[in-house]
Structure formats: structure tokens, C-alpha cells
Protein backbone atom coordinates (compact mmCIF):
# COMPACT_ATOMS: atom_id res chain seq x y z
CA UNK A 1 0.00 -0.03 0.02
CA UNK A 2 1.31 3.50 -0.96
CA UNK A 3 1.81 5.90 1.87
CA UNK A 4 1.75 9.69 1.58
CA UNK A 5 5.57 9.70 1.93
CA UNK A 6 5.85 7.19 -1.01
CA UNK A 7 3.65 9.54 -3.14
CA UNK A 8 5.87 12.58 -2.19
CA UNK A 9 8.98 10.76 -3.21
CA UNK A 10 7.55 9.92 -6.68
CA UNK A 11 6.26 13.58 -7.04
CA UNK A 12 9.64 14.94 -6.08
CA UNK A 13 11.31 12.94 -9.00
CA UNK A 14 9.06 14.36 -11.73
CA UNK A 15 11.21 17.42 -12.51
CA UNK A 16 14.30 15.10 -12.89
CA UNK A 17 12.52 13.46 -15.74
CA UNK A 18 12.36 16.66 -17.70
CA UNK A 19 15.92 17.74 -16.65
CA UNK A 20 17.53 14.56 -17.90
CA UNK A 21 15.62 14.71 -21.25
CA UNK A 22 16.62 18.37 -21.72
CA UNK A 23 20.31 17.53 -21.02
CA UNK A 24 20.54 14.51 -23.29
CA UNK A 25 18.07 15.55 -26.04
CA UNK A 26 15.13 14.14 -27.91
CA UNK A 27 16.78 10.80 -28.65
CA UNK A 28 16.41 9.70 -25.01
CA UNK A 29 13.13 8.66 -23.56
CA UNK A 30 12.96 9.20 -19.72
CA UNK A 31 10.07 7.44 -17.91
CA UNK A 32 9.02 7.64 -14.25
CA UNK A 33 6.93 4.73 -13.05
CA UNK A 34 4.86 4.64 -9.87
CA UNK A 35 3.96 1.14 -8.72
CA UNK A 36 0.95 2.38 -6.88
CA UNK A 37 -1.03 1.37 -9.95
CA UNK A 38 0.87 -1.05 -12.32
CA UNK A 39 -1.85 -0.77 -15.03
CA UNK A 40 -1.23 2.98 -15.27
CA UNK A 41 2.30 3.18 -13.89
CA UNK A 42 3.75 5.97 -16.09
CA UNK A 43 3.41 9.14 -14.13
CA UNK A 44 5.93 11.23 -15.93
CA UNK A 45 7.52 10.97 -19.36
CA UNK A 46 9.63 12.90 -21.82
CA UNK A 47 10.33 12.01 -25.47
CA UNK A 48 7.60 9.35 -25.39
CA UNK A 49 7.69 9.21 -29.12
CA UNK A 50 10.56 6.67 -28.85
CA UNK A 51 8.28 3.86 -27.48
CA UNK A 52 4.93 5.35 -28.09
CA UNK A 53 4.05 5.58 -24.40
CA UNK A 54 2.41 8.51 -22.43
CA UNK A 55 1.30 9.37 -18.95
CA UNK A 56 -1.04 6.55 -17.85
CA UNK A 57 0.58 3.82 -19.89
CA UNK A 58 1.36 0.42 -18.08
CA UNK A 59 4.52 -1.38 -17.31
CA UNK A 60 5.58 -3.53 -20.29
CA UNK A 61 6.43 -7.25 -20.18
CA UNK A 62 10.16 -6.37 -20.24
CA UNK A 63 9.59 -3.90 -17.53
CA UNK A 64 8.03 -6.68 -15.35
CA UNK A 65 11.21 -8.72 -16.02
CA UNK A 66 13.39 -5.85 -14.91
CA UNK A 67 11.25 -5.57 -11.78
CA UNK A 68 11.65 -9.24 -11.00
CA UNK A 69 15.47 -8.87 -11.41
CA UNK A 70 15.60 -5.90 -9.03
CA UNK A 71 13.53 -7.88 -6.45
CA UNK A 72 15.67 -10.94 -6.80
CA UNK A 73 19.10 -9.18 -6.80
CA UNK A 74 18.60 -5.96 -4.86
CA UNK A 75 20.38 -4.04 -7.61
CA UNK A 76 20.42 -0.25 -7.37
CA UNK A 77 20.86 0.11 -11.13
CA UNK A 78 20.00 -2.31 -13.92
CA UNK A 79 21.93 -1.91 -17.04
CA UNK A 80 22.96 -0.64 -19.40
CA UNK A 81 21.09 -3.27 -21.39
CA UNK A 82 19.76 -3.58 -24.94
CA UNK A 83 16.09 -2.91 -25.72
CA UNK A 84 14.10 -2.41 -28.80
CA UNK A 85 11.52 0.27 -29.56
CA UNK A 86 8.10 -0.73 -31.15
CA UNK A 87 9.46 0.72 -34.47
CA UNK A 88 12.31 -1.70 -34.38
CA UNK A 89 14.92 0.80 -33.39
CA UNK A 90 17.71 -0.41 -30.98
CA UNK A 91 17.91 1.13 -27.50
CA UNK A 92 20.47 1.43 -24.89
CA UNK A 93 18.56 1.45 -21.54
CA UNK A 94 19.09 1.85 -17.78
CA UNK A 95 16.61 1.37 -14.96
CA UNK A 96 16.99 2.82 -11.54
CA UNK A 97 14.76 1.39 -8.93
CA UNK A 98 13.12 3.87 -6.53
CA UNK A 99 12.59 2.64 -2.95
CA UNK A 100 11.20 4.20 0.23
CA UNK A 101 13.00 4.42 3.41
CA UNK A 102 11.83 1.01 4.40
CA UNK A 103 13.58 -0.39 1.32
CA UNK A 104 10.28 -1.19 -0.41
CA UNK A 105 10.22 -0.91 -4.30
CA UNK A 106 7.67 1.88 -5.09
CA UNK A 107 8.71 2.95 -8.59
CA UNK A 108 11.44 3.18 -11.28
CA UNK A 109 13.16 5.69 -13.38
CA UNK A 110 13.90 4.49 -16.85
CA UNK A 111 16.04 5.99 -19.64
CA UNK A 112 15.91 4.57 -23.15
CA UNK A 113 18.40 6.01 -25.63
CA UNK A 114 17.80 5.49 -29.36
CA UNK A 115 21.17 4.46 -30.70
CA UNK A 116 19.97 4.03 -34.33
CA UNK A 117 21.24 7.48 -35.49
CA UNK A 118 24.74 6.63 -34.45
CA UNK A 119 24.80 3.03 -35.46
CA UNK A 120 27.11 3.71 -38.42
CA UNK A 121 29.70 5.76 -36.45
CA UNK A 122 32.25 3.25 -35.16
CA UNK A 123 33.84 5.59 -32.62
CA UNK A 124 30.53 6.25 -31.01
CA UNK A 125 29.00 2.77 -31.27
CA UNK A 126 32.05 1.34 -29.55
CA UNK A 127 31.22 3.35 -26.45
CA UNK A 128 27.38 3.12 -26.71
CA UNK A 129 27.08 -0.68 -27.11
CA UNK A 130 28.97 -1.79 -23.99
CA UNK A 131 26.35 -3.66 -21.94
CA UNK A 132 27.86 -5.06 -18.66
CA UNK A 133 24.69 -6.87 -17.84
CA UNK A 134 24.44 -8.67 -21.27
CA UNK A 135 26.45 -11.52 -22.62
CA UNK A 136 24.66 -11.88 -25.87
CA UNK A 137 24.65 -9.13 -28.50
CA UNK A 138 21.33 -8.96 -30.37
CA UNK A 139 22.85 -8.87 -33.85
CA UNK A 140 19.61 -10.02 -35.32
CA UNK A 141 17.70 -7.05 -33.98
CA UNK A 142 20.23 -4.48 -35.20
CA UNK A 143 20.38 -6.28 -38.56
CA UNK A 144 16.56 -6.33 -38.89
CA UNK A 145 15.94 -2.80 -37.53
CA UNK A 146 14.50 -1.65 -40.78
CA UNK A 147 11.54 -4.02 -40.36
CA UNK A 148 8.35 -3.23 -38.63
CA UNK A 149 8.27 -4.55 -35.11
CA UNK A 150 5.65 -7.08 -36.05
CA UNK A 151 7.75 -8.22 -39.04
CA UNK A 152 10.78 -8.28 -36.91
CA UNK A 153 9.24 -10.53 -34.25
CA UNK A 154 7.93 -12.97 -36.93
CA UNK A 155 11.25 -13.07 -38.61
CA UNK A 156 13.22 -13.83 -35.41
CA UNK A 157 10.63 -16.39 -34.39
CA UNK A 158 10.81 -18.08 -37.82
CA UNK A 159 14.58 -18.36 -37.55
CA UNK A 160 14.42 -19.93 -34.06
CA UNK A 161 11.72 -22.29 -35.10
CA UNK A 162 13.69 -23.40 -38.09
CA UNK A 163 16.93 -23.82 -35.96
CA UNK A 164 15.03 -25.89 -33.42
CA UNK A 165 13.46 -28.11 -36.07
CA UNK A 166 16.95 -29.09 -37.18
CA UNK A 167 17.53 -30.75 -33.85
CA UNK A 168 15.31 -33.64 -34.90
CA UNK A 169 12.03 -34.99 -33.34
CA UNK A 170 11.67 -33.73 -29.80
CA UNK A 171 8.72 -34.07 -27.35
CA UNK A 172 6.56 -30.94 -27.63
CA UNK A 173 7.49 -29.64 -24.17
CA UNK A 174 11.22 -29.97 -24.80
CA UNK A 175 10.87 -28.26 -28.32
CA UNK A 176 8.86 -25.41 -26.81
CA UNK A 177 11.35 -24.92 -24.02
CA UNK A 178 14.21 -24.92 -26.46
CA UNK A 179 12.40 -22.27 -28.57
CA UNK A 180 11.72 -20.08 -25.49
CA UNK A 181 15.45 -20.62 -24.42
CA UNK A 182 16.77 -19.34 -27.69
CA UNK A 183 14.38 -16.42 -27.90
CA UNK A 184 15.31 -15.49 -24.34
CA UNK A 185 18.98 -15.60 -25.39
CA UNK A 186 18.29 -13.17 -28.09
CA UNK A 187 16.46 -10.86 -25.70
CA UNK A 188 13.35 -11.31 -27.75
CA UNK A 189 11.03 -10.95 -24.75
CA UNK A 190 12.03 -7.35 -24.39
CA UNK A 191 9.72 -6.60 -27.31
CA UNK A 192 6.13 -5.52 -26.44
CA UNK A 193 3.63 -8.35 -26.84
CA UNK A 194 6.37 -10.88 -27.61
CA UNK A 195 5.01 -13.35 -24.96
CA UNK A 196 1.54 -13.21 -26.58
CA UNK A 197 2.96 -13.95 -29.98
CA UNK A 198 5.03 -16.98 -28.78
CA UNK A 199 2.13 -18.32 -26.68
CA UNK A 200 -0.17 -18.13 -29.84
CA UNK A 201 2.45 -19.66 -32.21
CA UNK A 202 3.28 -22.53 -29.87
CA UNK A 203 -0.21 -23.11 -28.54
CA UNK A 204 0.81 -22.76 -24.92
CA UNK A 205 0.00 -20.30 -22.20
CA UNK A 206 1.67 -17.06 -21.16
CA UNK A 207 2.08 -18.78 -17.76
CA UNK A 208 4.06 -21.54 -19.28
CA UNK A 209 6.35 -19.19 -21.02
CA UNK A 210 6.95 -17.25 -17.91
CA UNK A 211 7.82 -20.48 -16.04
CA UNK A 212 10.39 -21.22 -18.68
CA UNK A 213 11.83 -17.83 -18.41
CA UNK A 214 12.06 -18.07 -14.62
CA UNK A 215 13.83 -21.51 -15.03
CA UNK A 216 16.36 -19.92 -17.53
CA UNK A 217 17.11 -17.02 -15.07
CA UNK A 218 17.64 -19.48 -12.17
CA UNK A 219 20.04 -21.55 -14.39
CA UNK A 220 21.93 -18.27 -15.23
CA UNK A 221 22.19 -17.25 -11.69
CA UNK A 222 23.63 -20.74 -10.65
CA UNK A 223 26.13 -20.51 -13.45
CA UNK A 224 27.67 -17.17 -12.09
């Protein structure tokens, strides 16, 4: 439950959203989330044209994954990590959790920088594509960034489906898990509505996909 102090903390951060956007420019989306209402979590946003969000928008599926990571690891900053905008453009993103004095997560400040305009400048891209929290580079997303987001999702899914089919006849549950594993490796589930697409294509539930993703995260954590 949100306290008055929690609301005051979120309110005090709203000017920072505008300040960061003014400093970095129109290629950086800055979003302030309040977790008082997850369905309408965006309470302040600048340069929303980058992802098409506005005040009153909800947390995305990739945003929920970030929240899970924050709760599981206690990180004070998540990223920089790669993301992808609905128009297919590559993003460099950072999420800063907002906690109250009791340590409870009450919101998040997210910054999404559109790096498509500098993708051809090696000196800049060398510095802008260092992602400490990511072991896999999404070459497929950068390569396909001229596609619409729907075309991009279908193309990546088709490639993964073909690659999995080459492994021979597998039981359906093993095949589905392998597909989700490879899509997760490619950061596919950062794309909005990606879970719905995969669930429909494979004929399984969203819950099953989230279970697979949780298992993969657990395996990753144990390998570290």
C-alpha cells in the first residue's frame, strides 16, 4: 500500500525526468513509473515518441522482468542493457529502482536512448554498445531494424523455429522450452507483446512461457 511519503518521493522525482531529457536531447526517452497502479504506472515521461508511451501507460512485459530482477538481486541500477522500440530501433537502456525508507520498491526511473542514429559511427557505437549486464549481442535485432516490429518478431521467431526443427524430433514440451530458451537468449522478450505472439504460435499459455523464463534465469544465476 502506498503511503503519503511514497507519493511525495515519486512527485519529487518528476522534475528530474524533464531535466535528464533536456540534457541528453530528444533521442532519450525518460520514464518515471509509480508502482501504486501497475496498469497505469507511467506518471511522468519525456520523449515518449521513442516507445509510443504516455502518462497513464502500463509497465511492459520487459519492464516486469526488470522488476523481477531488481527484487531478486537487490540491484540499485539495472543496465545498461539492450532494448528495442516498437518501431524496431535499437535502444540502450538503464533502469534505476526507487525505494522508500523501508527499502520497499515503489517505482522506477527508466532511460531509453535511441542509438539508431549513431549505428554507423564506429567511434560512438564502440562506447554506446557496451552492456555490462548482457553476454549476448542482439545482432539479429540490429540487422533487422529496418523492419516493422511485427515483421521483426515474426522473422526472429521463424529463424528460431527453423533452427530448433533441425535438432530432430523432440517431445513438444522440450521443443517449446528450447524455442523459448533461444528467444530469451536473443532478448526477444524485451519486445512488447512478444510473450503473446510466442504463446499463440506454440499453442501454450503465457504462464508456461513465464515459467520457462524463470527457470532460465535461475540456471543463469547458478552458473555465475
